[in-house]
PDB file of N, CA and C in Angstrom:
ATOM      1  N   UNK A   1      60.279 151.573   1.956  1.00  0.00           N
ATOM      2  CA  UNK A   1      61.611 151.283   0.929  1.00  0.00           C
ATOM      3  C   UNK A   1      61.856 150.924  -0.182  1.00  0.00           C
ATOM      4  N   UNK A   2      62.244 151.766  -0.957  1.00  0.00           N
ATOM      5  CA  UNK A   2      61.769 151.556  -2.701  1.00  0.00           C
ATOM      6  C   UNK A   2      63.381 150.676  -2.878  1.00  0.00           C
ATOM      7  N   UNK A   3      63.425 149.846  -3.642  1.00  0.00           N
ATOM      8  CA  UNK A   3      64.121 149.015  -4.450  1.00  0.00           C
ATOM      9  C   UNK A   3      65.364 149.405  -5.223  1.00  0.00           C
ATOM     10  N   UNK A   4      66.484 149.162  -4.724  1.00  0.00           N
ATOM     11  CA  UNK A   4      67.866 150.059  -5.454  1.00  0.00           C
ATOM     12  C   UNK A   4      67.889 150.057  -6.623  1.00  0.00           C
ATOM     13  N   UNK A   5      68.441 150.348  -7.819  1.00  0.00           N
ATOM     14  CA  UNK A   5      68.407 150.387  -9.063  1.00  0.00           C
ATOM     15  C   UNK A   5      69.999 150.939  -9.444  1.00  0.00           C
ATOM     16  N   UNK A   6      70.700 149.242  -9.964  1.00  0.00           N
ATOM     17  CA  UNK A   6      71.885 149.301 -10.033  1.00  0.00           C
ATOM     18  C   UNK A   6      72.174 149.816 -11.725  1.00  0.00           C
ATOM     19  N   UNK A   7      73.266 150.932 -12.052  1.00  0.00           N
ATOM     20  CA  UNK A   7      73.469 150.938 -13.212  1.00  0.00           C
ATOM     21  C   UNK A   7      74.576 150.915 -13.738  1.00  0.00           C
ATOM     22  N   UNK A   8      75.436 150.344 -14.488  1.00  0.00           N
ATOM     23  CA  UNK A   8      76.205 149.578 -15.123  1.00  0.00           C
ATOM     24  C   UNK A   8      76.460 150.458 -16.626  1.00  0.00           C
ATOM     25  N   UNK A   9      77.684 151.482 -16.109  1.00  0.00           N
ATOM     26  CA  UNK A   9      77.734 152.140 -17.071  1.00  0.00           C
ATOM     27  C   UNK A   9      79.115 151.420 -17.827  1.00  0.00           C
ATOM     28  N   UNK A  10      79.269 150.903 -18.881  1.00  0.00           N
ATOM     29  CA  UNK A  10      80.541 149.965 -19.944  1.00  0.00           C
ATOM     30  C   UNK A  10      80.802 151.306 -20.608  1.00  0.00           C
ATOM     31  N   UNK A  11      81.772 150.718 -21.003  1.00  0.00           N
ATOM     32  CA  UNK A  11      83.304 151.099 -21.557  1.00  0.00           C
ATOM     33  C   UNK A  11      82.700 152.718 -22.753  1.00  0.00           C
ATOM     34  N   UNK A  12      81.893 151.732 -23.351  1.00  0.00           N
ATOM     35  CA  UNK A  12      81.514 152.469 -24.708  1.00  0.00           C
ATOM     36  C   UNK A  12      80.414 153.697 -24.359  1.00  0.00           C
ATOM     37  N   UNK A  13      79.883 154.022 -22.993  1.00  0.00           N
ATOM     38  CA  UNK A  13      79.450 154.742 -22.245  1.00  0.00           C
ATOM     39  C   UNK A  13      78.058 154.545 -22.287  1.00  0.00           C
ATOM     40  N   UNK A  14      77.505 153.572 -22.435  1.00  0.00           N
ATOM     41  CA  UNK A  14      76.085 152.870 -22.979  1.00  0.00           C
ATOM     42  C   UNK A  14      75.873 152.146 -21.507  1.00  0.00           C
ATOM     43  N   UNK A  15      74.439 152.283 -21.038  1.00  0.00           N
ATOM     44  CA  UNK A  15      74.416 152.095 -19.234  1.00  0.00           C
ATOM     45  C   UNK A  15      73.349 150.697 -19.566  1.00  0.00           C
ATOM     46  N   UNK A  16      73.800 149.684 -18.331  1.00  0.00           N
ATOM     47  CA  UNK A  16      73.024 148.442 -18.945  1.00  0.00           C
ATOM     48  C   UNK A  16      71.997 148.745 -17.107  1.00  0.00           C
ATOM     49  N   UNK A  17      70.978 147.940 -17.468  1.00  0.00           N
ATOM     50  CA  UNK A  17      70.475 148.308 -15.707  1.00  0.00           C
ATOM     51  C   UNK A  17      69.130 147.085 -16.179  1.00  0.00           C
ATOM     52  N   UNK A  18      68.482 147.354 -15.264  1.00  0.00           N
ATOM     53  CA  UNK A  18      66.880 145.997 -15.018  1.00  0.00           C
ATOM     54  C   UNK A  18      66.037 147.093 -14.753  1.00  0.00           C
ATOM     55  N   UNK A  19      64.842 147.217 -16.427  1.00  0.00           N
ATOM     56  CA  UNK A  19      64.316 148.316 -16.563  1.00  0.00           C
ATOM     57  C   UNK A  19      63.229 148.724 -15.603  1.00  0.00           C
ATOM     58  N   UNK A  20      63.130 149.720 -14.889  1.00  0.00           N
ATOM     59  CA  UNK A  20      61.803 150.079 -13.848  1.00  0.00           C
ATOM     60  C   UNK A  20      61.072 151.348 -14.333  1.00  0.00           C
ATOM     61  N   UNK A  21      59.983 151.789 -14.117  1.00  0.00           N
ATOM     62  CA  UNK A  21      59.693 153.251 -13.954  1.00  0.00           C
ATOM     63  C   UNK A  21      59.655 154.211 -12.499  1.00  0.00           C
ATOM     64  N   UNK A  22      60.669 153.431 -11.874  1.00  0.00           N
ATOM     65  CA  UNK A  22      60.649 154.127 -10.471  1.00  0.00           C
ATOM     66  C   UNK A  22      61.840 154.893 -10.984  1.00  0.00           C
ATOM     67  N   UNK A  23      62.682 154.778 -11.494  1.00  0.00           N
ATOM     68  CA  UNK A  23      63.591 155.731 -11.979  1.00  0.00           C
ATOM     69  C   UNK A  23      63.518 156.522 -13.595  1.00  0.00           C
ATOM     70  N   UNK A  24      63.449 157.544 -13.549  1.00  0.00           N
ATOM     71  CA  UNK A  24      63.259 158.480 -15.434  1.00  0.00           C
ATOM     72  C   UNK A  24      64.363 158.189 -16.040  1.00  0.00           C
ATOM     73  N   UNK A  25      64.603 157.516 -16.129  1.00  0.00           N
ATOM     74  CA  UNK A  25      65.846 156.801 -17.976  1.00  0.00           C
ATOM     75  C   UNK A  25      65.473 157.538 -18.874  1.00  0.00           C
ATOM     76  N   UNK A  26      64.430 157.689 -19.340  1.00  0.00           N
ATOM     77  CA  UNK A  26      64.516 158.613 -20.605  1.00  0.00           C
ATOM     78  C   UNK A  26      65.567 160.027 -20.382  1.00  0.00           C
ATOM     79  N   UNK A  27      65.194 160.288 -19.382  1.00  0.00           N
ATOM     80  CA  UNK A  27      66.509 161.529 -18.798  1.00  0.00           C
ATOM     81  C   UNK A  27      67.444 161.521 -19.245  1.00  0.00           C
ATOM     82  N   UNK A  28      68.399 160.215 -19.396  1.00  0.00           N
ATOM     83  CA  UNK A  28      69.332 159.836 -19.693  1.00  0.00           C
ATOM     84  C   UNK A  28      69.339 159.772 -20.881  1.00  0.00           C
ATOM     85  N   UNK A  29      68.672 159.883 -21.844  1.00  0.00           N
ATOM     86  CA  UNK A  29      69.317 159.666 -23.341  1.00  0.00           C
ATOM     87  C   UNK A  29      68.147 158.792 -23.588  1.00  0.00           C
ATOM     88  N   UNK A  30      68.239 159.042 -25.073  1.00  0.00           N
ATOM     89  CA  UNK A  30      67.248 157.453 -25.940  1.00  0.00           C
ATOM     90  C   UNK A  30      67.441 156.172 -25.676  1.00  0.00           C
ATOM     91  N   UNK A  31      66.777 155.077 -25.112  1.00  0.00           N
ATOM     92  CA  UNK A  31      66.448 154.083 -24.637  1.00  0.00           C
ATOM     93  C   UNK A  31      66.507 153.411 -26.058  1.00  0.00           C
ATOM     94  N   UNK A  32      67.020 151.829 -25.273  1.00  0.00           N
ATOM     95  CA  UNK A  32      67.358 150.560 -26.715  1.00  0.00           C
ATOM     96  C   UNK A  32      66.816 149.907 -25.181  1.00  0.00           C
ATOM     97  N   UNK A  33      66.080 148.951 -25.262  1.00  0.00           N
ATOM     98  CA  UNK A  33      65.909 148.156 -24.748  1.00  0.00           C
ATOM     99  C   UNK A  33      65.334 146.737 -25.057  1.00  0.00           C
ATOM    100  N   UNK A  34      65.826 145.709 -24.561  1.00  0.00           N
ATOM    101  CA  UNK A  34      65.872 144.568 -24.859  1.00  0.00           C
ATOM    102  C   UNK A  34      65.203 143.120 -23.902  1.00  0.00           C
ATOM    103  N   UNK A  35      64.803 142.247 -23.848  1.00  0.00           N
ATOM    104  CA  UNK A  35      64.265 141.400 -23.354  1.00  0.00           C
ATOM    105  C   UNK A  35      65.366 140.389 -22.430  1.00  0.00           C
ATOM    106  N   UNK A  36      65.458 140.348 -21.153  1.00  0.00           N
ATOM    107  CA  UNK A  36      66.550 139.441 -20.638  1.00  0.00           C
ATOM    108  C   UNK A  36      65.997 138.167 -20.015  1.00  0.00           C
ATOM    109  N   UNK A  37      64.631 138.352 -20.035  1.00  0.00           N
ATOM    110  CA  UNK A  37      64.571 136.738 -19.351  1.00  0.00           C
ATOM    111  C   UNK A  37      62.846 136.870 -19.509  1.00  0.00           C
ATOM    112  N   UNK A  38      62.230 135.775 -19.642  1.00  0.00           N
ATOM    113  CA  UNK A  38      60.735 135.374 -19.720  1.00  0.00           C
ATOM    114  C   UNK A  38      60.027 135.173 -18.260  1.00  0.00           C
ATOM    115  N   UNK A  39      58.972 135.146 -18.158  1.00  0.00           N
ATOM    116  CA  UNK A  39      58.419 134.738 -16.935  1.00  0.00           C
ATOM    117  C   UNK A  39      57.090 134.503 -17.697  1.00  0.00           C
ATOM    118  N   UNK A  40      57.032 132.735 -17.675  1.00  0.00           N
ATOM    119  CA  UNK A  40      55.276 132.298 -18.428  1.00  0.00           C
ATOM    120  C   UNK A  40      55.382 131.419 -17.660  1.00  0.00           C
ATOM    121  N   UNK A  41      54.228 130.912 -17.657  1.00  0.00           N
ATOM    122  CA  UNK A  41      53.164 129.742 -17.054  1.00  0.00           C
ATOM    123  C   UNK A  41      53.384 128.534 -18.081  1.00  0.00           C
ATOM    124  N   UNK A  42      53.347 127.709 -17.479  1.00  0.00           N
ATOM    125  CA  UNK A  42      53.857 125.975 -18.082  1.00  0.00           C
ATOM    126  C   UNK A  42      52.067 125.403 -17.971  1.00  0.00           C
ATOM    127  N   UNK A  43      51.574 125.284 -18.954  1.00  0.00           N
ATOM    128  CA  UNK A  43      50.187 124.410 -18.607  1.00  0.00           C
ATOM    129  C   UNK A  43      50.781 123.237 -18.400  1.00  0.00           C
ATOM    130  N   UNK A  44      51.378 122.921 -19.079  1.00  0.00           N
ATOM    131  CA  UNK A  44      51.771 120.967 -17.923  1.00  0.00           C
ATOM    132  C   UNK A  44      52.163 121.140 -16.926  1.00  0.00           C
ATOM    133  N   UNK A  45      52.859 121.931 -16.364  1.00  0.00           N
ATOM    134  CA  UNK A  45      53.486 122.014 -14.902  1.00  0.00           C
ATOM    135  C   UNK A  45      52.458 122.454 -14.268  1.00  0.00           C
ATOM    136  N   UNK A  46      51.879 123.530 -14.598  1.00  0.00           N
ATOM    137  CA  UNK A  46      50.722 124.276 -13.909  1.00  0.00           C
ATOM    138  C   UNK A  46      51.486 125.281 -12.642  1.00  0.00           C
ATOM    139  N   UNK A  47      52.908 125.542 -13.266  1.00  0.00           N
ATOM    140  CA  UNK A  47      53.977 126.352 -12.318  1.00  0.00           C
ATOM    141  C   UNK A  47      54.231 127.679 -13.301  1.00  0.00           C
ATOM    142  N   UNK A  48      54.894 128.655 -13.418  1.00  0.00           N
ATOM    143  CA  UNK A  48      55.160 129.493 -13.366  1.00  0.00           C
ATOM    144  C   UNK A  48      56.812 129.521 -13.613  1.00  0.00           C
ATOM    145  N   UNK A  49      57.498 129.927 -14.824  1.00  0.00           N
ATOM    146  CA  UNK A  49      58.654 129.312 -14.723  1.00  0.00           C
ATOM    147  C   UNK A  49      59.601 131.007 -15.069  1.00  0.00           C
ATOM    148  N   UNK A  50      60.836 131.177 -14.570  1.00  0.00           N
ATOM    149  CA  UNK A  50      61.660 131.868 -15.326  1.00  0.00           C
ATOM    150  C   UNK A  50      62.882 131.385 -16.149  1.00  0.00           C
ATOM    151  N   UNK A  51      62.652 132.048 -17.090  1.00  0.00           N
ATOM    152  CA  UNK A  51      64.072 131.669 -18.149  1.00  0.00           C
ATOM    153  C   UNK A  51      64.132 132.688 -18.639  1.00  0.00           C
ATOM    154  N   UNK A  52      66.058 132.294 -18.490  1.00  0.00           N
ATOM    155  CA  UNK A  52      66.836 133.383 -19.051  1.00  0.00           C
ATOM    156  C   UNK A  52      68.053 132.236 -19.654  1.00  0.00           C
ATOM    157  N   UNK A  53      68.035 133.131 -20.654  1.00  0.00           N
ATOM    158  CA  UNK A  53      68.615 132.315 -22.250  1.00  0.00           C
ATOM    159  C   UNK A  53      68.831 130.845 -22.578  1.00  0.00           C
ATOM    160  N   UNK A  54      67.421 131.172 -22.448  1.00  0.00           N
ATOM    161  CA  UNK A  54      66.517 129.529 -22.803  1.00  0.00           C
ATOM    162  C   UNK A  54      67.007 128.762 -21.986  1.00  0.00           C
ATOM    163  N   UNK A  55      67.283 128.888 -20.529  1.00  0.00           N
ATOM    164  CA  UNK A  55      67.173 128.113 -19.287  1.00  0.00           C
ATOM    165  C   UNK A  55      66.422 128.289 -18.228  1.00  0.00           C
ATOM    166  N   UNK A  56      65.736 127.313 -17.737  1.00  0.00           N
ATOM    167  CA  UNK A  56      65.012 127.648 -16.834  1.00  0.00           C
ATOM    168  C   UNK A  56      65.466 127.779 -15.221  1.00  0.00           C
ATOM    169  N   UNK A  57      65.903 129.310 -14.432  1.00  0.00           N
ATOM    170  CA  UNK A  57      66.307 128.830 -13.747  1.00  0.00           C
ATOM    171  C   UNK A  57      65.410 129.050 -12.233  1.00  0.00           C
ATOM    172  N   UNK A  58      64.129 128.774 -12.357  1.00  0.00           N
ATOM    173  CA  UNK A  58      63.148 128.989 -11.358  1.00  0.00           C
ATOM    174  C   UNK A  58      61.723 128.693 -11.654  1.00  0.00           C
ATOM    175  N   UNK A  59      61.069 128.182 -10.974  1.00  0.00           N
ATOM    176  CA  UNK A  59      59.581 127.869 -10.942  1.00  0.00           C
ATOM    177  C   UNK A  59      59.003 127.806 -10.082  1.00  0.00           C
ATOM    178  N   UNK A  60      57.523 128.533  -9.680  1.00  0.00           N
ATOM    179  CA  UNK A  60      56.695 128.159  -8.622  1.00  0.00           C
ATOM    180  C   UNK A  60      55.171 128.636  -9.292  1.00  0.00           C
ATOM    181  N   UNK A  61      54.522 128.411  -8.420  1.00  0.00           N
ATOM    182  CA  UNK A  61      52.779 128.319  -8.057  1.00  0.00           C
ATOM    183  C   UNK A  61      52.498 129.707  -8.428  1.00  0.00           C
ATOM    184  N   UNK A  62      53.224 131.320  -7.769  1.00  0.00           N
ATOM    185  CA  UNK A  62      52.925 132.251  -7.509  1.00  0.00           C
ATOM    186  C   UNK A  62      53.803 132.825  -8.508  1.00  0.00           C
ATOM    187  N   UNK A  63      53.147 133.779  -9.534  1.00  0.00           N
ATOM    188  CA  UNK A  63      54.100 134.647 -10.556  1.00  0.00           C
ATOM    189  C   UNK A  63      54.633 136.108 -10.125  1.00  0.00           C
ATOM    190  N   UNK A  64      54.181 136.565  -8.900  1.00  0.00           N
ATOM    191  CA  UNK A  64      54.832 137.276  -8.144  1.00  0.00           C
ATOM    192  C   UNK A  64      56.165 136.868  -7.448  1.00  0.00           C
ATOM    193  N   UNK A  65      56.157 135.583  -6.780  1.00  0.00           N
ATOM    194  CA  UNK A  65      57.866 135.059  -6.699  1.00  0.00           C
ATOM    195  C   UNK A  65      58.262 135.025  -8.031  1.00  0.00           C
ATOM    196  N   UNK A  66      57.831 134.565  -8.705  1.00  0.00           N
ATOM    197  CA  UNK A  66      58.753 134.354 -10.169  1.00  0.00           C
ATOM    198  C   UNK A  66      59.289 135.922 -10.314  1.00  0.00           C
ATOM    199  N   UNK A  67      58.625 136.694 -10.569  1.00  0.00           N
ATOM    200  CA  UNK A  67      58.874 138.120 -10.441  1.00  0.00           C
ATOM    201  C   UNK A  67      60.132 138.484  -9.642  1.00  0.00           C
ATOM    202  N   UNK A  68      59.575 138.470  -8.471  1.00  0.00           N
ATOM    203  CA  UNK A  68      60.979 138.226  -7.282  1.00  0.00           C
ATOM    204  C   UNK A  68      62.244 137.691  -7.784  1.00  0.00           C
ATOM    205  N   UNK A  69      62.016 136.515  -8.229  1.00  0.00           N
ATOM    206  CA  UNK A  69      63.052 135.943  -8.537  1.00  0.00           C
ATOM    207  C   UNK A  69      64.010 136.062  -9.666  1.00  0.00           C
ATOM    208  N   UNK A  70      63.334 136.359 -10.622  1.00  0.00           N
ATOM    209  CA  UNK A  70      64.152 137.300 -12.343  1.00  0.00           C
ATOM    210  C   UNK A  70      64.858 138.375 -11.289  1.00  0.00           C
ATOM    211  N   UNK A  71      64.374 139.496 -11.083  1.00  0.00           N
ATOM    212  CA  UNK A  71      64.684 140.513 -10.489  1.00  0.00           C
ATOM    213  C   UNK A  71      65.876 140.257  -9.429  1.00  0.00           C
ATOM    214  N   UNK A  72      65.944 139.263  -8.719  1.00  0.00           N
ATOM    215  CA  UNK A  72      66.842 139.200  -8.021  1.00  0.00           C
ATOM    216  C   UNK A  72      68.330 138.195  -8.471  1.00  0.00           C
ATOM    217  N   UNK A  73      67.658 137.734  -9.927  1.00  0.00           N
ATOM    218  CA  UNK A  73      68.965 136.889 -10.436  1.00  0.00           C
ATOM    219  C   UNK A  73      69.818 137.876 -11.409  1.00  0.00           C
ATOM    220  N   UNK A  74      68.768 139.034 -12.341  1.00  0.00           N
ATOM    221  CA  UNK A  74      69.292 139.920 -12.762  1.00  0.00           C
ATOM    222  C   UNK A  74      70.029 141.417 -12.271  1.00  0.00           C
ATOM    223  N   UNK A  75      69.595 141.470 -11.281  1.00  0.00           N
ATOM    224  CA  UNK A  75      70.349 142.243 -10.105  1.00  0.00           C
ATOM    225  C   UNK A  75      71.586 142.351  -9.641  1.00  0.00           C
TER     226      UNK A  75
END
């Protein structure tokens, strides 16, 4: 089963969502994309970290687990 996609329509008519290629967002119009988070490997701790707005929200030895947590957090 595909992961549901949540589109938030703002008062100015713009739409916010977590980007995915599973939905043809380009068909809605011109895209403006801004990074909401970072998943990076920390060489010192040897763990992957999820950082949002400069704050570490999760770390794990699996990058995939971090990507899942990132999507859950932002959804």
